[in-house]
């Protein structure tokens, strides 16, 4: 199954709802997107706003092409590299849904090839634990060039029928708090540092966030206790993933958020995790197809993704 076919099946139930709050685009509008692409070619997806870029990505996958999200915010050198790479490639990549360029700050960016099966399976795995049944709105405050945002927020928000708000301003805690409060945002995902910044800047009024996924950094016990205290009505999940795994690997559930702070929980769905010489290895249908034109750097051996992350488990099997 192709990703857009999967998305259409999930979004059909929400056809009468608004999808993008800023422009008023409805789910019916998204469902009407036609397959008019080139059938598996790489396509740059950008926009002057996050909402414009989100729509470009959806049009791309609806057209049967491979979305390559790009933004100049991360440096013009990387931006030009990705643009030139895509421009010069006329091949067909029928299996791929996304080509995500990563690690550009430490050298030449690597393209992670993610298939339709990779993304669909990851969305299903997220559905097995990340409960949004009582939520109606989500705010996306991070760039869509990150697969955690693309899969875990944009696509997951859409298959759950949420109204999506995009925070388009430069990060200022007080302004973001106002946005979350005024729009009655119920789902907001961010790093521990960002949530700590919000908690430090809040007055008596607390944004009505019901559900939050914390990721991108190690969560300490002190930080978990602090943000839980300042957001008492929020169900916090601490999650771990990486681009090469589409991305979500494991999750620490709300009832364990304080007790097991510092842990990334246990594997989600049918993900297998193991540790070899201190390094975390992951195996599932979400593991990338490989690196784009960079086979010598492949980190997959016998189906196991060598994450490069150091890990250990406690006596109860939490990673």
Protein backbone atom coordinates (compact mmCIF):
# COMPACT_ATOMS: atom_id res chain seq x y z
CA UNK A 1 0.00 0.00 0.00
CA UNK A 2 1.18 3.51 -0.80
CA UNK A 3 1.27 6.10 1.98
CA UNK A 4 -1.35 8.37 0.38
CA UNK A 5 -3.81 5.50 0.00
CA UNK A 6 -3.35 4.76 3.70
CA UNK A 7 -3.80 8.44 4.60
CA UNK A 8 -6.97 8.73 2.51
CA UNK A 9 -8.48 5.73 4.25
CA UNK A 10 -7.85 7.27 7.66
CA UNK A 11 -8.89 10.85 6.78
CA UNK A 12 -12.17 9.95 5.08
CA UNK A 13 -14.05 9.95 8.39
CA UNK A 14 -13.05 13.59 8.99
CA UNK A 15 -14.01 15.02 5.58
CA UNK A 16 -16.20 17.75 7.09
CA UNK A 17 -13.54 19.01 9.52
CA UNK A 18 -11.00 21.79 9.12
CA UNK A 19 -7.48 20.41 8.67
CA UNK A 20 -5.23 23.51 8.60
CA UNK A 21 -6.40 26.27 10.91
CA UNK A 22 -4.43 29.05 9.23
CA UNK A 23 -5.81 28.70 5.71
CA UNK A 24 -9.08 26.91 6.45
CA UNK A 25 -8.11 23.94 4.28
CA UNK A 26 -10.48 21.07 5.10
CA UNK A 27 -9.97 17.34 5.12
CA UNK A 28 -12.23 17.23 2.06
CA UNK A 29 -9.76 19.52 0.30
CA UNK A 30 -6.89 17.20 1.18
CA UNK A 31 -8.82 14.12 0.09
CA UNK A 32 -9.38 15.81 -3.28
CA UNK A 33 -5.64 16.08 -3.99
CA UNK A 34 -5.02 14.24 -7.27
CA UNK A 35 -2.31 11.81 -8.24
CA UNK A 36 -0.73 14.03 -10.88
CA UNK A 37 2.96 13.50 -10.13
CA UNK A 38 5.70 11.81 -12.10
CA UNK A 39 5.35 8.45 -10.38
CA UNK A 40 8.22 8.15 -7.95
CA UNK A 41 10.57 11.01 -8.76
CA UNK A 42 12.31 13.04 -6.08
CA UNK A 43 10.52 16.34 -5.46
CA UNK A 44 11.72 19.23 -3.28
CA UNK A 45 9.06 20.31 -0.80
CA UNK A 46 9.44 23.78 0.68
CA UNK A 47 7.38 26.86 1.40
CA UNK A 48 7.54 30.33 2.87
CA UNK A 49 5.61 29.01 5.89
CA UNK A 50 5.35 25.63 7.61
CA UNK A 51 1.76 25.33 6.49
CA UNK A 52 2.77 25.90 2.85
CA UNK A 53 5.50 23.29 3.18
CA UNK A 54 3.10 20.81 4.78
CA UNK A 55 0.71 21.21 1.85
CA UNK A 56 3.58 20.78 -0.63
CA UNK A 57 4.55 17.52 1.08
CA UNK A 58 0.99 16.21 0.99
CA UNK A 59 0.58 17.16 -2.68
CA UNK A 60 3.82 15.34 -3.45
CA UNK A 61 2.86 12.05 -1.81
CA UNK A 62 -0.66 12.33 -3.25
CA UNK A 63 0.97 12.63 -6.67
CA UNK A 64 2.93 9.44 -6.11
CA UNK A 65 6.31 11.14 -5.87
CA UNK A 66 9.03 11.11 -3.20
CA UNK A 67 8.89 14.10 -0.87
CA UNK A 68 12.22 15.73 0.00
CA UNK A 69 11.51 18.38 2.68
CA UNK A 70 14.09 21.16 2.63
CA UNK A 71 14.58 24.50 4.39
CA UNK A 72 17.29 27.14 4.13
CA UNK A 73 17.17 27.70 7.92
CA UNK A 74 19.81 25.01 8.43
CA UNK A 75 22.41 26.69 6.25
CA UNK A 76 22.54 27.67 2.63
CA UNK A 77 25.34 25.17 1.91
CA UNK A 78 23.18 22.19 2.92
CA UNK A 79 20.14 23.72 1.21
CA UNK A 80 22.01 24.11 -2.09
CA UNK A 81 23.48 20.60 -1.77
CA UNK A 82 20.05 19.01 -1.39
CA UNK A 83 18.51 21.08 -4.19
CA UNK A 84 21.31 20.20 -6.61
CA UNK A 85 21.18 16.51 -5.65
CA UNK A 86 17.45 16.27 -6.33
CA UNK A 87 17.65 18.37 -9.49
CA UNK A 88 20.24 16.03 -11.02
CA UNK A 89 18.37 12.80 -10.28
CA UNK A 90 15.70 11.69 -12.76
CA UNK A 91 15.37 8.11 -11.50
CA UNK A 92 12.11 6.53 -10.34
CA UNK A 93 11.93 5.43 -6.68
CA UNK A 94 8.58 3.67 -6.52
CA UNK A 95 9.13 2.24 -3.01
CA UNK A 96 10.04 5.54 -1.36
CA UNK A 97 7.72 7.98 0.39
CA UNK A 98 10.37 10.35 1.78
CA UNK A 99 14.03 11.17 1.34
CA UNK A 100 15.12 12.91 4.55
CA UNK A 101 18.52 14.60 4.63
CA UNK A 102 20.17 14.54 8.04
CA UNK A 103 23.43 15.21 9.90
CA UNK A 104 24.34 18.14 7.68
CA UNK A 105 25.97 20.03 10.56
CA UNK A 106 28.72 17.42 10.92
CA UNK A 107 29.63 17.06 7.26
CA UNK A 108 27.96 16.18 3.98
CA UNK A 109 24.27 15.53 4.69
CA UNK A 110 23.12 11.93 4.21
CA UNK A 111 19.79 11.14 2.59
CA UNK A 112 17.75 8.58 4.52
CA UNK A 113 15.48 6.59 2.20
CA UNK A 114 12.14 5.82 3.86
CA UNK A 115 9.60 3.61 2.14
CA UNK A 116 5.81 3.68 2.18
CA UNK A 117 5.90 0.56 4.37
CA UNK A 118 8.34 2.22 6.77
CA UNK A 119 6.09 5.21 7.40
CA UNK A 120 2.75 3.37 7.46
CA UNK A 121 4.12 0.82 9.93
CA UNK A 122 5.52 3.56 12.17
CA UNK A 123 2.18 5.37 12.19
CA UNK A 124 0.48 2.12 13.18
CA UNK A 125 3.01 1.58 15.96
CA UNK A 126 2.46 5.11 17.26
CA UNK A 127 -1.28 4.46 17.20
CA UNK A 128 -0.75 1.51 19.55
CA UNK A 129 0.19 3.78 22.47
CA UNK A 130 -0.26 7.51 21.68
CA UNK A 131 -3.91 8.11 22.54
CA UNK A 132 -5.49 11.21 20.96
CA UNK A 133 -9.15 10.22 21.14
CA UNK A 134 -10.11 13.21 23.34
CA UNK A 135 -7.98 15.77 21.47
CA UNK A 136 -9.13 18.08 18.67
CA UNK A 137 -6.12 20.33 17.96
CA UNK A 138 -2.35 20.13 17.61
CA UNK A 139 0.26 22.86 17.27
CA UNK A 140 3.38 22.10 15.24
CA UNK A 141 6.22 24.31 16.37
CA UNK A 142 9.24 22.54 14.88
CA UNK A 143 10.48 22.30 11.25
CA UNK A 144 9.04 19.61 8.99
CA UNK A 145 12.53 18.66 7.80
CA UNK A 146 12.65 16.47 10.94
CA UNK A 147 11.02 13.06 10.50
CA UNK A 148 9.83 13.12 14.13
CA UNK A 149 7.70 16.15 13.26
CA UNK A 150 6.65 14.90 9.84
CA UNK A 151 5.55 11.42 10.96
CA UNK A 152 4.74 11.89 14.64
CA UNK A 153 2.96 15.25 14.40
CA UNK A 154 1.78 16.17 10.88
CA UNK A 155 0.83 12.76 9.48
CA UNK A 156 -0.29 11.36 12.84
CA UNK A 157 -2.36 14.47 13.49
CA UNK A 158 -4.06 14.08 10.11
CA UNK A 159 -4.95 10.40 10.49
CA UNK A 160 -6.55 11.34 13.82
CA UNK A 161 -8.59 14.19 12.36
CA UNK A 162 -6.97 16.99 14.34
CA UNK A 163 -7.12 20.68 13.46
CA UNK A 164 -3.49 21.63 12.82
CA UNK A 165 -1.98 24.95 13.85
CA UNK A 166 1.55 25.90 12.77
CA UNK A 167 3.61 28.16 15.00
CA UNK A 168 5.37 30.29 12.40
CA UNK A 169 7.15 32.84 14.61
CA UNK A 170 10.69 32.80 15.98
CA UNK A 171 10.77 31.01 19.32
CA UNK A 172 9.78 33.24 22.22
CA UNK A 173 8.32 31.34 25.20
CA UNK A 174 5.76 34.02 26.09
CA UNK A 175 4.49 34.26 22.49
CA UNK A 176 4.27 30.49 22.16
CA UNK A 177 2.35 30.23 25.45
CA UNK A 178 -0.12 32.82 24.13
CA UNK A 179 -0.54 30.85 20.89
CA UNK A 180 -1.16 27.58 22.73
CA UNK A 181 -3.62 29.21 25.12
CA UNK A 182 -5.57 31.37 22.66
CA UNK A 183 -6.03 28.49 20.20
CA UNK A 184 -6.78 25.98 22.94
CA UNK A 185 -4.11 23.59 21.74
CA UNK A 186 -4.53 20.09 23.16
CA UNK A 187 -1.49 18.33 21.64
CA UNK A 188 1.98 19.84 21.60
CA UNK A 189 5.23 17.91 21.12
CA UNK A 190 8.67 19.34 21.93
CA UNK A 191 12.04 18.79 23.58
CA UNK A 192 12.54 18.79 27.38
CA UNK A 193 14.40 22.12 27.04
CA UNK A 194 11.51 23.79 25.21
CA UNK A 195 8.96 22.56 27.75
CA UNK A 196 11.20 23.76 30.58
CA UNK A 197 11.39 27.19 28.93
CA UNK A 198 7.61 27.35 28.73
CA UNK A 199 7.25 26.24 32.35
CA UNK A 200 9.65 28.94 33.56
CA UNK A 201 7.74 31.66 31.69
CA UNK A 202 4.18 30.70 32.62
CA UNK A 203 2.07 32.80 34.93
CA UNK A 204 -1.04 31.37 36.59
CA UNK A 205 -2.72 30.42 33.32
CA UNK A 206 -1.66 27.04 31.93
CA UNK A 207 -2.15 26.17 28.23
CA UNK A 208 -4.84 23.45 27.91
CA UNK A 209 -2.45 20.79 26.59
CA UNK A 210 -3.85 17.30 27.14
CA UNK A 211 -1.15 15.22 25.47
CA UNK A 212 2.56 15.78 24.82
CA UNK A 213 5.39 13.73 23.37
CA UNK A 214 8.83 14.67 24.68
CA UNK A 215 11.79 13.79 22.45
CA UNK A 216 15.11 14.94 21.03
CA UNK A 217 17.08 15.05 24.30
CA UNK A 218 17.64 12.96 27.40
CA UNK A 219 14.89 13.57 29.95
CA UNK A 220 16.25 13.96 33.50
CA UNK A 221 14.29 13.26 36.68
CA UNK A 222 14.41 16.92 37.71
CA UNK A 223 13.09 18.11 34.35
CA UNK A 224 10.32 15.49 34.30
CA UNK A 225 9.20 16.52 37.79
CA UNK A 226 9.35 20.24 36.95
CA UNK A 227 7.31 20.16 33.74
CA UNK A 228 4.79 17.69 35.22
CA UNK A 229 4.26 20.05 38.14
CA UNK A 230 3.74 23.07 35.85
CA UNK A 231 1.49 21.15 33.40
CA UNK A 232 -0.59 19.05 35.82
CA UNK A 233 -3.33 18.23 33.29
CA UNK A 234 -0.96 17.02 30.56
CA UNK A 235 -0.27 13.36 29.79
CA UNK A 236 3.45 13.25 29.00
CA UNK A 237 5.12 10.54 26.92
CA UNK A 238 8.91 10.37 26.67
CA UNK A 239 9.75 8.87 23.27
CA UNK A 240 12.87 7.79 21.42
CA UNK A 241 13.48 7.46 17.72
CA UNK A 242 15.82 8.29 14.87
CA UNK A 243 15.48 9.27 11.23
CA UNK A 244 16.69 5.84 10.08
CA UNK A 245 13.69 4.26 11.86
CA UNK A 246 10.93 6.48 10.45
CA UNK A 247 11.37 7.51 13.43
CA UNK A 248 9.65 6.14 16.56
CA UNK A 249 11.32 3.21 18.38
CA UNK A 250 10.17 3.25 22.01
CA UNK A 251 7.97 5.11 24.47
CA UNK A 252 7.71 5.77 28.18
CA UNK A 253 4.01 6.04 29.03
CA UNK A 254 2.41 8.80 31.15
CA UNK A 255 1.93 6.59 34.22
CA UNK A 256 5.71 5.95 34.22
CA UNK A 257 6.84 9.46 33.25
CA UNK A 258 7.99 10.44 36.75
CA UNK A 259 8.80 7.01 38.17
CA UNK A 260 11.04 6.05 35.24
CA UNK A 261 12.30 9.51 34.20
CA UNK A 262 15.56 9.13 32.30
CA UNK A 263 14.26 6.06 30.49
CA UNK A 264 12.91 5.98 26.93
CA UNK A 265 10.59 3.16 27.97
CA UNK A 266 10.05 -0.04 26.02
CA UNK A 267 9.73 -0.92 22.32
CA UNK A 268 6.49 0.01 20.56
CA UNK A 269 4.55 -2.23 18.19
CA UNK A 270 6.69 -5.12 16.95
CA UNK A 271 9.99 -3.25 17.32
CA UNK A 272 12.86 -5.38 18.62
CA UNK A 273 15.63 -3.74 20.66
CA UNK A 274 18.87 -5.24 21.88
CA UNK A 275 22.25 -4.03 23.11
CA UNK A 276 25.57 -5.14 21.62
CA UNK A 277 28.79 -3.95 23.26
CA UNK A 278 26.84 -1.07 24.79
CA UNK A 279 25.30 0.08 21.48
CA UNK A 280 21.55 0.03 20.90
CA UNK A 281 20.36 -2.06 17.93
CA UNK A 282 16.83 -1.89 16.51
CA UNK A 283 14.95 -4.19 14.15
CA UNK A 284 11.48 -3.72 12.59
CA UNK A 285 9.72 -2.99 9.28
CA UNK A 286 10.38 0.72 10.03
CA UNK A 287 14.13 0.43 9.39
CA UNK A 288 15.18 2.56 6.42
CA UNK A 289 15.86 1.15 2.98
CA UNK A 290 19.34 2.67 3.23
CA UNK A 291 21.31 5.86 2.68
CA UNK A 292 20.83 7.59 -0.65
CA UNK A 293 23.91 6.94 -2.86
CA UNK A 294 25.95 6.31 0.28
CA UNK A 295 25.89 2.53 0.57
CA UNK A 296 29.28 2.34 2.27
CA UNK A 297 27.81 4.13 5.27
CA UNK A 298 24.91 1.70 5.67
CA UNK A 299 24.23 0.97 9.35
CA UNK A 300 21.91 -2.00 8.76
CA UNK A 301 23.30 -5.53 9.15
CA UNK A 302 21.07 -8.61 8.93
CA UNK A 303 18.04 -6.37 9.41
CA UNK A 304 19.42 -4.73 12.56
CA UNK A 305 19.92 -0.97 12.61
CA UNK A 306 23.05 0.01 14.51
CA UNK A 307 21.90 3.28 16.06
CA UNK A 308 25.24 4.57 17.35
CA UNK A 309 23.49 5.35 20.65
CA UNK A 310 24.77 4.01 23.96
CA UNK A 311 22.06 2.35 26.04
CA UNK A 312 21.37 0.01 28.94
CA UNK A 313 18.30 -1.50 30.61
CA UNK A 314 17.20 -1.53 34.23
CA UNK A 315 15.98 -4.52 36.21
CA UNK A 316 12.47 -4.17 34.76
CA UNK A 317 13.58 -4.06 31.13
CA UNK A 318 13.19 -0.31 30.57
CA UNK A 319 15.74 1.16 28.13
